[in-house]
Amino acid sequence: MNDEQIKKILAESKVIAVVGCSRDPAKPAHYVPAYLQAHGYRIIPVNPGADEILGEKAVKSLADIHEAVDLVDVFRPSPNCLAVAQDALKMPHKPKVFWMQLGIRNEAARKLLEANGVTVVEDRCTMAEHARLVRQG
Protein backbone atom coordinates (compact mmCIF):
# COMPACT_ATOMS: atom_id res chain seq x y z
CA MET A 1 0.00 0.00 0.00
CA ASN A 2 1.50 3.33 -1.04
CA ASP A 3 1.42 6.71 0.70
CA GLU A 4 -1.34 8.12 -1.51
CA GLN A 5 -3.62 5.17 -0.71
CA ILE A 6 -2.97 5.57 3.03
CA LYS A 7 -3.53 9.33 2.84
CA LYS A 8 -6.85 8.77 1.03
CA ILE A 9 -7.98 6.23 3.66
CA LEU A 10 -7.18 8.63 6.48
CA ALA A 11 -8.85 11.56 4.68
CA GLU A 12 -12.05 9.63 3.94
CA SER A 13 -12.44 7.81 7.26
CA LYS A 14 -14.49 9.62 9.88
CA VAL A 15 -15.65 6.90 12.30
CA ILE A 16 -13.08 4.46 13.68
CA ALA A 17 -13.83 1.40 15.81
CA VAL A 18 -10.75 0.65 17.90
CA VAL A 19 -10.57 -3.05 18.79
CA GLY A 20 -8.50 -3.50 21.93
CA CYS A 21 -8.78 0.16 22.93
CA SER A 22 -7.15 0.58 26.34
CA ARG A 23 -7.95 2.71 29.39
CA ASP A 24 -4.21 2.90 30.19
CA PRO A 25 -2.80 6.23 28.88
CA ALA A 26 0.69 4.68 28.66
CA LYS A 27 -0.38 2.11 26.07
CA PRO A 28 -0.46 2.73 22.31
CA ALA A 29 -4.02 1.32 22.31
CA HIS A 30 -4.98 4.42 24.31
CA TYR A 31 -2.80 7.25 23.07
CA VAL A 32 -3.15 6.40 19.37
CA PRO A 33 -6.96 6.61 19.43
CA ALA A 34 -6.69 9.71 21.68
CA TYR A 35 -4.51 11.33 18.99
CA LEU A 36 -7.01 10.36 16.27
CA GLN A 37 -9.89 11.71 18.35
CA ALA A 38 -8.01 14.99 18.86
CA HIS A 39 -7.69 15.24 15.07
CA GLY A 40 -11.41 15.02 14.42
CA TYR A 41 -12.11 11.30 14.12
CA ARG A 42 -15.01 9.76 16.03
CA ILE A 43 -13.70 6.86 18.08
CA ILE A 44 -15.77 3.86 19.13
CA PRO A 45 -13.75 1.94 21.74
CA VAL A 46 -14.14 -1.85 21.58
CA ASN A 47 -13.13 -3.34 24.92
CA PRO A 48 -15.20 -5.95 26.80
CA GLY A 49 -13.76 -4.79 30.14
CA ALA A 50 -14.59 -1.09 29.90
CA ASP A 51 -17.73 1.05 29.99
CA GLU A 52 -16.09 4.23 28.73
CA ILE A 53 -12.76 5.18 27.17
CA LEU A 54 -11.74 8.63 25.90
CA GLY A 55 -15.15 9.97 26.90
CA GLU A 56 -16.89 7.56 24.52
CA LYS A 57 -19.16 4.67 25.44
CA ALA A 58 -17.17 1.46 25.01
CA VAL A 59 -18.77 -1.57 23.36
CA LYS A 60 -18.00 -5.19 24.15
CA SER A 61 -17.49 -6.29 20.54
CA LEU A 62 -17.85 -5.18 16.93
CA ALA A 63 -21.25 -6.89 16.94
CA ASP A 64 -22.45 -4.20 19.38
CA ILE A 65 -21.85 -1.41 16.85
CA HIS A 66 -25.02 -0.62 14.92
CA GLU A 67 -23.83 2.39 12.94
CA ALA A 68 -21.58 2.75 9.94
CA VAL A 69 -17.87 2.51 10.71
CA ASP A 70 -15.33 3.57 8.12
CA LEU A 71 -12.28 1.90 9.62
CA VAL A 72 -11.65 -0.87 12.14
CA ASP A 73 -8.33 -0.19 13.88
CA VAL A 74 -6.95 -3.34 15.51
CA PHE A 75 -4.76 -3.45 18.62
CA ARG A 76 -4.84 -7.22 19.14
CA PRO A 77 -2.15 -9.86 18.68
CA SER A 78 -1.68 -11.06 15.11
CA PRO A 79 -3.17 -14.54 15.78
CA ASN A 80 -6.42 -12.90 17.00
CA CYS A 81 -6.94 -10.88 13.82
CA LEU A 82 -8.75 -13.56 11.84
CA ALA A 83 -11.52 -13.71 14.45
CA VAL A 84 -11.68 -9.89 14.52
CA ALA A 85 -11.89 -9.86 10.71
CA GLN A 86 -14.73 -12.38 10.79
CA ASP A 87 -16.55 -10.19 13.33
CA ALA A 88 -16.00 -7.12 11.15
CA LEU A 89 -17.61 -8.85 8.19
CA LYS A 90 -20.70 -9.63 10.30
CA MET A 91 -21.25 -5.97 11.22
CA PRO A 92 -24.53 -4.50 9.90
CA HIS A 93 -22.45 -1.92 8.02
CA LYS A 94 -19.28 -3.57 6.78
CA PRO A 95 -16.26 -1.29 7.32
CA LYS A 96 -14.38 0.04 4.32
CA VAL A 97 -10.97 -0.47 5.91
CA PHE A 98 -9.46 -2.97 8.35
CA TRP A 99 -6.22 -1.60 9.79
CA MET A 100 -3.80 -3.76 11.78
CA GLN A 101 -1.46 -1.65 13.88
CA LEU A 102 2.33 -1.62 13.81
CA GLY A 103 3.73 -5.13 14.25
CA ILE A 104 0.40 -6.81 13.50
CA ARG A 105 -0.11 -8.97 10.40
CA ASN A 106 -2.42 -11.83 9.55
CA GLU A 107 -2.47 -13.27 6.05
CA ALA A 108 -5.69 -15.27 6.54
CA ALA A 109 -7.50 -12.17 7.81
CA ARG A 110 -6.16 -10.08 4.93
CA LYS A 111 -7.26 -12.60 2.31
CA LEU A 112 -10.74 -13.00 3.84
CA LEU A 113 -11.30 -9.27 4.09
CA GLU A 114 -9.99 -8.47 0.60
CA ALA A 115 -12.19 -11.22 -0.84
CA ASN A 116 -15.13 -9.40 0.76
CA GLY A 117 -14.22 -5.96 -0.59
CA VAL A 118 -12.55 -4.54 2.52
CA THR A 119 -9.26 -2.65 2.13
CA VAL A 120 -6.57 -3.98 4.47
CA VAL A 121 -3.61 -2.17 6.01
CA GLU A 122 -1.10 -4.23 7.97
CA ASP A 123 1.83 -3.36 10.20
CA ARG A 124 1.33 0.43 10.22
CA CYS A 125 0.41 2.90 12.94
CA THR A 126 -2.59 5.12 12.22
CA MET A 127 -1.13 7.92 14.37
CA ALA A 128 2.29 7.83 12.72
CA GLU A 129 0.80 7.67 9.23
CA HIS A 130 -1.60 10.54 9.97
CA ALA A 131 1.21 12.69 11.37
CA ARG A 132 3.41 11.87 8.39
CA LEU A 133 0.90 12.10 5.54
CA VAL A 134 -2.07 14.21 6.60
CA ARG A 135 -0.75 16.77 9.05
CA GLN A 136 2.37 17.32 6.98
CA GLY A 137 0.75 17.61 3.70
C-alpha atoms as a PDB file:
ATOM      1  CA  MET A   1       0.000   0.000   0.000  1.00  0.00           C
ATOM      2  CA  ASN A   2       1.500   3.330  -1.042  1.00  0.00           C
ATOM      3  CA  ASP A   3       1.417   6.705   0.702  1.00  0.00           C
ATOM      4  CA  GLU A   4      -1.340   8.121  -1.514  1.00  0.00           C
ATOM      5  CA  GLN A   5      -3.618   5.171  -0.709  1.00  0.00           C
ATOM      6  CA  ILE A   6      -2.969   5.574   3.029  1.00  0.00           C
ATOM      7  CA  LYS A   7      -3.534   9.334   2.839  1.00  0.00           C
ATOM      8  CA  LYS A   8      -6.854   8.770   1.030  1.00  0.00           C
ATOM      9  CA  ILE A   9      -7.984   6.235   3.660  1.00  0.00           C
ATOM     10  CA  LEU A  10      -7.180   8.634   6.478  1.00  0.00           C
ATOM     11  CA  ALA A  11      -8.853  11.555   4.684  1.00  0.00           C
ATOM     12  CA  GLU A  12     -12.054   9.634   3.936  1.00  0.00           C
ATOM     13  CA  SER A  13     -12.437   7.809   7.260  1.00  0.00           C
ATOM     14  CA  LYS A  14     -14.489   9.621   9.881  1.00  0.00           C
ATOM     15  CA  VAL A  15     -15.647   6.903  12.302  1.00  0.00           C
ATOM     16  CA  ILE A  16     -13.076   4.463  13.684  1.00  0.00           C
ATOM     17  CA  ALA A  17     -13.833   1.396  15.807  1.00  0.00           C
ATOM     18  CA  VAL A  18     -10.750   0.653  17.902  1.00  0.00           C
ATOM     19  CA  VAL A  19     -10.573  -3.049  18.794  1.00  0.00           C
ATOM     20  CA  GLY A  20      -8.503  -3.502  21.935  1.00  0.00           C
ATOM     21  CA  CYS A  21      -8.778   0.164  22.926  1.00  0.00           C
ATOM     22  CA  SER A  22      -7.154   0.584  26.339  1.00  0.00           C
ATOM     23  CA  ARG A  23      -7.951   2.707  29.385  1.00  0.00           C
ATOM     24  CA  ASP A  24      -4.212   2.899  30.194  1.00  0.00           C
ATOM     25  CA  PRO A  25      -2.799   6.227  28.879  1.00  0.00           C
ATOM     26  CA  ALA A  26       0.693   4.682  28.662  1.00  0.00           C
ATOM     27  CA  LYS A  27      -0.379   2.108  26.069  1.00  0.00           C
ATOM     28  CA  PRO A  28      -0.461   2.730  22.309  1.00  0.00           C
ATOM     29  CA  ALA A  29      -4.017   1.315  22.311  1.00  0.00           C
ATOM     30  CA  HIS A  30      -4.981   4.422  24.312  1.00  0.00           C
ATOM     31  CA  TYR A  31      -2.796   7.252  23.073  1.00  0.00           C
ATOM     32  CA  VAL A  32      -3.147   6.404  19.374  1.00  0.00           C
ATOM     33  CA  PRO A  33      -6.965   6.613  19.427  1.00  0.00           C
ATOM     34  CA  ALA A  34      -6.688   9.710  21.678  1.00  0.00           C
ATOM     35  CA  TYR A  35      -4.513  11.326  18.995  1.00  0.00           C
ATOM     36  CA  LEU A  36      -7.011  10.361  16.274  1.00  0.00           C
ATOM     37  CA  GLN A  37      -9.891  11.715  18.349  1.00  0.00           C
ATOM     38  CA  ALA A  38      -8.007  14.987  18.865  1.00  0.00           C
ATOM     39  CA  HIS A  39      -7.687  15.241  15.074  1.00  0.00           C
ATOM     40  CA  GLY A  40     -11.412  15.020  14.416  1.00  0.00           C
ATOM     41  CA  TYR A  41     -12.106  11.299  14.122  1.00  0.00           C
ATOM     42  CA  ARG A  42     -15.005   9.764  16.028  1.00  0.00           C
ATOM     43  CA  ILE A  43     -13.695   6.859  18.076  1.00  0.00           C
ATOM     44  CA  ILE A  44     -15.771   3.858  19.127  1.00  0.00           C
ATOM     45  CA  PRO A  45     -13.747   1.939  21.744  1.00  0.00           C
ATOM     46  CA  VAL A  46     -14.136  -1.846  21.580  1.00  0.00           C
ATOM     47  CA  ASN A  47     -13.130  -3.345  24.920  1.00  0.00           C
ATOM     48  CA  PRO A  48     -15.201  -5.947  26.796  1.00  0.00           C
ATOM     49  CA  GLY A  49     -13.765  -4.789  30.143  1.00  0.00           C
ATOM     50  CA  ALA A  50     -14.590  -1.093  29.898  1.00  0.00           C
ATOM     51  CA  ASP A  51     -17.728   1.046  29.990  1.00  0.00           C
ATOM     52  CA  GLU A  52     -16.092   4.234  28.729  1.00  0.00           C
ATOM     53  CA  ILE A  53     -12.760   5.183  27.173  1.00  0.00           C
ATOM     54  CA  LEU A  54     -11.738   8.633  25.903  1.00  0.00           C
ATOM     55  CA  GLY A  55     -15.150   9.974  26.904  1.00  0.00           C
ATOM     56  CA  GLU A  56     -16.891   7.562  24.522  1.00  0.00           C
ATOM     57  CA  LYS A  57     -19.159   4.669  25.443  1.00  0.00           C
ATOM     58  CA  ALA A  58     -17.173   1.463  25.006  1.00  0.00           C
ATOM     59  CA  VAL A  59     -18.769  -1.567  23.362  1.00  0.00           C
ATOM     60  CA  LYS A  60     -18.001  -5.190  24.148  1.00  0.00           C
ATOM     61  CA  SER A  61     -17.491  -6.289  20.538  1.00  0.00           C
ATOM     62  CA  LEU A  62     -17.846  -5.182  16.926  1.00  0.00           C
ATOM     63  CA  ALA A  63     -21.252  -6.885  16.939  1.00  0.00           C
ATOM     64  CA  ASP A  64     -22.447  -4.197  19.375  1.00  0.00           C
ATOM     65  CA  ILE A  65     -21.853  -1.408  16.849  1.00  0.00           C
ATOM     66  CA  HIS A  66     -25.018  -0.617  14.920  1.00  0.00           C
ATOM     67  CA  GLU A  67     -23.833   2.387  12.936  1.00  0.00           C
ATOM     68  CA  ALA A  68     -21.577   2.752   9.935  1.00  0.00           C
ATOM     69  CA  VAL A  69     -17.868   2.513  10.709  1.00  0.00           C
ATOM     70  CA  ASP A  70     -15.327   3.575   8.115  1.00  0.00           C
ATOM     71  CA  LEU A  71     -12.280   1.905   9.623  1.00  0.00           C
ATOM     72  CA  VAL A  72     -11.650  -0.872  12.137  1.00  0.00           C
ATOM     73  CA  ASP A  73      -8.325  -0.192  13.883  1.00  0.00           C
ATOM     74  CA  VAL A  74      -6.945  -3.336  15.512  1.00  0.00           C
ATOM     75  CA  PHE A  75      -4.756  -3.450  18.621  1.00  0.00           C
ATOM     76  CA  ARG A  76      -4.841  -7.217  19.138  1.00  0.00           C
ATOM     77  CA  PRO A  77      -2.151  -9.861  18.681  1.00  0.00           C
ATOM     78  CA  SER A  78      -1.680 -11.056  15.107  1.00  0.00           C
ATOM     79  CA  PRO A  79      -3.170 -14.536  15.779  1.00  0.00           C
ATOM     80  CA  ASN A  80      -6.422 -12.896  17.000  1.00  0.00           C
ATOM     81  CA  CYS A  81      -6.944 -10.879  13.816  1.00  0.00           C
ATOM     82  CA  LEU A  82      -8.746 -13.559  11.839  1.00  0.00           C
ATOM     83  CA  ALA A  83     -11.517 -13.707  14.454  1.00  0.00           C
ATOM     84  CA  VAL A  84     -11.684  -9.894  14.523  1.00  0.00           C
ATOM     85  CA  ALA A  85     -11.889  -9.855  10.707  1.00  0.00           C
ATOM     86  CA  GLN A  86     -14.730 -12.381  10.788  1.00  0.00           C
ATOM     87  CA  ASP A  87     -16.554 -10.194  13.328  1.00  0.00           C
ATOM     88  CA  ALA A  88     -15.996  -7.118  11.146  1.00  0.00           C
ATOM     89  CA  LEU A  89     -17.614  -8.845   8.187  1.00  0.00           C
ATOM     90  CA  LYS A  90     -20.702  -9.633  10.296  1.00  0.00           C
ATOM     91  CA  MET A  91     -21.249  -5.970  11.217  1.00  0.00           C
ATOM     92  CA  PRO A  92     -24.525  -4.498   9.899  1.00  0.00           C
ATOM     93  CA  HIS A  93     -22.447  -1.918   8.024  1.00  0.00           C
ATOM     94  CA  LYS A  94     -19.276  -3.574   6.778  1.00  0.00           C
ATOM     95  CA  PRO A  95     -16.257  -1.292   7.321  1.00  0.00           C
ATOM     96  CA  LYS A  96     -14.381   0.036   4.316  1.00  0.00           C
ATOM     97  CA  VAL A  97     -10.967  -0.472   5.912  1.00  0.00           C
ATOM     98  CA  PHE A  98      -9.461  -2.974   8.355  1.00  0.00           C
ATOM     99  CA  TRP A  99      -6.219  -1.596   9.794  1.00  0.00           C
ATOM    100  CA  MET A 100      -3.797  -3.765  11.783  1.00  0.00           C
ATOM    101  CA  GLN A 101      -1.463  -1.650  13.881  1.00  0.00           C
ATOM    102  CA  LEU A 102       2.334  -1.624  13.814  1.00  0.00           C
ATOM    103  CA  GLY A 103       3.733  -5.132  14.245  1.00  0.00           C
ATOM    104  CA  ILE A 104       0.399  -6.813  13.497  1.00  0.00           C
ATOM    105  CA  ARG A 105      -0.108  -8.968  10.395  1.00  0.00           C
ATOM    106  CA  ASN A 106      -2.423 -11.825   9.546  1.00  0.00           C
ATOM    107  CA  GLU A 107      -2.467 -13.274   6.047  1.00  0.00           C
ATOM    108  CA  ALA A 108      -5.688 -15.269   6.539  1.00  0.00           C
ATOM    109  CA  ALA A 109      -7.504 -12.170   7.811  1.00  0.00           C
ATOM    110  CA  ARG A 110      -6.159 -10.076   4.932  1.00  0.00           C
ATOM    111  CA  LYS A 111      -7.263 -12.604   2.307  1.00  0.00           C
ATOM    112  CA  LEU A 112     -10.735 -13.001   3.841  1.00  0.00           C
ATOM    113  CA  LEU A 113     -11.298  -9.267   4.087  1.00  0.00           C
ATOM    114  CA  GLU A 114      -9.992  -8.471   0.605  1.00  0.00           C
ATOM    115  CA  ALA A 115     -12.193 -11.223  -0.839  1.00  0.00           C
ATOM    116  CA  ASN A 116     -15.128  -9.396   0.762  1.00  0.00           C
ATOM    117  CA  GLY A 117     -14.222  -5.964  -0.595  1.00  0.00           C
ATOM    118  CA  VAL A 118     -12.551  -4.541   2.521  1.00  0.00           C
ATOM    119  CA  THR A 119      -9.264  -2.650   2.133  1.00  0.00           C
ATOM    120  CA  VAL A 120      -6.569  -3.979   4.470  1.00  0.00           C
ATOM    121  CA  VAL A 121      -3.615  -2.168   6.006  1.00  0.00           C
ATOM    122  CA  GLU A 122      -1.103  -4.227   7.972  1.00  0.00           C
ATOM    123  CA  ASP A 123       1.833  -3.360  10.205  1.00  0.00           C
ATOM    124  CA  ARG A 124       1.331   0.431  10.221  1.00  0.00           C
ATOM    125  CA  CYS A 125       0.411   2.903  12.942  1.00  0.00           C
ATOM    126  CA  THR A 126      -2.592   5.123  12.219  1.00  0.00           C
ATOM    127  CA  MET A 127      -1.126   7.916  14.374  1.00  0.00           C
ATOM    128  CA  ALA A 128       2.293   7.832  12.717  1.00  0.00           C
ATOM    129  CA  GLU A 129       0.799   7.673   9.227  1.00  0.00           C
ATOM    130  CA  HIS A 130      -1.601  10.539   9.974  1.00  0.00           C
ATOM    131  CA  ALA A 131       1.209  12.690  11.375  1.00  0.00           C
ATOM    132  CA  ARG A 132       3.414  11.871   8.394  1.00  0.00           C
ATOM    133  CA  LEU A 133       0.903  12.105   5.537  1.00  0.00           C
ATOM    134  CA  VAL A 134      -2.072  14.206   6.602  1.00  0.00           C
ATOM    135  CA  ARG A 135      -0.748  16.766   9.051  1.00  0.00           C
ATOM    136  CA  GLN A 136       2.374  17.322   6.981  1.00  0.00           C
ATOM    137  CA  GLY A 137       0.755  17.609   3.695  1.00  0.00           C
END
